[in-house]
Protein backbone atom coordinates (compact mmCIF):
# COMPACT_ATOMS: atom_id res chain seq x y z
CA MET A 1 94.36 62.42 89.74
CA THR A 2 97.43 61.25 89.62
CA MET A 3 100.64 62.74 90.78
CA ASP A 4 102.21 63.04 86.92
CA SER A 5 98.94 65.01 86.21
CA SER A 6 99.22 67.69 89.29
CA LEU A 7 102.81 68.28 88.28
CA ASN A 8 101.52 68.92 84.56
CA GLU A 9 99.37 71.57 85.57
CA ARG A 10 101.63 73.51 87.56
CA PRO A 11 102.79 76.76 85.87
CA ALA A 12 106.59 76.58 84.72
CA PHE A 13 109.20 77.93 87.07
CA ILE A 14 110.20 81.22 85.02
CA ALA A 15 106.38 81.88 84.66
CA VAL A 16 105.81 82.21 88.51
CA VAL A 17 108.79 84.39 89.12
CA VAL A 18 108.43 86.89 86.72
CA SER A 19 104.93 86.85 87.37
CA THR A 20 105.47 87.34 91.17
CA PHE A 21 108.32 89.77 90.49
CA THR A 22 106.25 91.71 88.49
CA THR A 23 103.29 91.91 90.33
CA VAL A 24 105.47 92.74 93.78
CA PHE A 25 107.24 95.33 91.87
CA ILE A 26 104.47 97.27 90.46
CA ALA A 27 102.53 96.77 93.68
CA GLU A 28 105.36 98.37 95.56
CA LEU A 29 106.09 101.26 93.48
CA GLY A 30 105.46 104.37 94.95
CA ASP A 31 103.60 103.18 97.92
CA LYS A 32 103.85 104.31 101.49
CA THR A 33 106.75 101.76 102.12
CA GLN A 34 108.74 102.87 99.13
CA LEU A 35 108.45 106.54 100.14
CA ALA A 36 109.10 105.64 104.27
CA THR A 37 112.57 103.81 102.79
CA LEU A 38 113.47 106.91 100.71
CA LEU A 39 113.13 108.92 103.58
CA LEU A 40 114.85 106.72 105.94
CA ALA A 41 118.00 106.56 103.33
CA ALA A 42 117.95 110.44 102.98
CA GLN A 43 118.07 111.18 106.56
CA SER A 44 120.02 108.33 107.67
CA GLY A 45 123.17 108.69 105.50
CA ALA A 46 123.54 104.97 105.64
CA PRO A 47 121.30 104.16 102.19
CA TRP A 48 122.86 100.65 102.25
CA LEU A 49 121.88 99.80 105.75
CA VAL A 50 118.17 101.15 104.82
CA PHE A 51 118.35 99.14 101.55
CA LEU A 52 118.92 95.79 103.84
CA GLY A 53 116.53 96.54 106.29
CA ALA A 54 114.09 97.49 103.85
CA ALA A 55 114.82 93.97 101.58
CA LEU A 56 114.54 92.00 104.49
CA ALA A 57 111.57 93.60 105.71
CA LEU A 58 109.91 92.94 102.35
CA ILE A 59 111.25 89.34 102.77
CA ALA A 60 109.58 88.61 106.19
CA SER A 61 106.60 90.35 104.63
CA SER A 62 106.24 88.09 101.52
CA LEU A 63 106.71 85.02 103.61
CA VAL A 64 103.83 85.80 105.98
CA GLY A 65 101.86 86.08 102.64
CA VAL A 66 103.05 82.94 100.92
CA VAL A 67 102.93 80.74 104.69
CA ILE A 68 99.59 81.70 104.75
CA GLY A 69 98.77 81.49 101.11
CA ARG A 70 99.97 77.79 101.48
CA TRP A 71 97.95 76.91 104.33
CA LEU A 72 94.54 78.13 102.29
CA ALA A 73 95.58 76.27 99.71
CA THR A 74 95.33 73.44 101.63
CA VAL A 75 92.03 73.91 103.26
CA LEU A 76 90.23 75.67 100.25
CA PRO A 77 89.71 74.98 96.48
CA PRO A 78 91.49 76.87 94.02
CA GLU A 79 88.45 78.11 92.67
CA ARG A 80 87.74 79.69 95.88
CA LEU A 81 91.18 81.21 96.54
CA GLU A 82 90.89 82.78 93.22
CA LEU A 83 87.08 84.44 94.03
CA MET A 84 88.50 85.81 97.48
CA ALA A 85 91.91 87.19 95.93
CA GLY A 86 89.59 88.96 93.18
CA VAL A 87 87.35 90.20 95.64
CA LEU A 88 89.84 91.68 97.65
CA MET A 89 91.81 93.19 94.74
CA VAL A 90 88.36 95.03 93.86
CA GLY A 91 87.69 95.87 97.10
CA LEU A 92 91.12 97.15 97.82
CA GLY A 93 90.96 99.19 94.46
CA LEU A 94 87.46 100.74 95.38
CA TRP A 95 88.62 101.63 98.91
CA LEU A 96 92.07 103.36 97.60
CA GLY A 97 89.66 104.98 94.89
CA ILE A 98 87.57 106.38 96.88
CA GLN A 99 90.45 107.46 99.29
CA ALA A 100 92.61 108.96 96.36
CA THR A 101 89.01 110.94 95.46
CA ARG A 102 88.57 112.18 99.04
CA SER A 103 91.94 113.43 98.79
CA LEU A 104 91.69 115.05 95.94
CA LEU A 105 88.46 116.62 96.90
CA ASN A 106 89.61 118.01 99.97
CA ALA A 107 92.84 119.24 98.09
CA VAL A 108 90.21 121.32 95.73
CA SER A 109 88.03 122.50 98.32
CA THR A 110 91.02 123.78 100.74
CA THR A 111 92.73 125.55 97.30
CA ALA A 112 89.51 126.99 96.14
């Protein structure tokens, strides 16, 4: 594989930025972090400082993910990474679904 062919296989800059933004934005909506940030902003009286702290925390946690992802890309083939990511996402989805079902069943049983 030549250097030119590996560059041609890389996705376009804007495609990577848009897909990353969309994925992270949707994943973060309504999660515990957003709710905690909402409460901190309401309690602190300094919403811009809470925004700054939350933004820096998201940047730091994203940096960890990027560094680990880049390292994994050097030690594992792309197909294995895709499979692992898929299995992880399905596993997380199932786990969250089970947790939501338990919570819903508990709420129904306590109101009945």
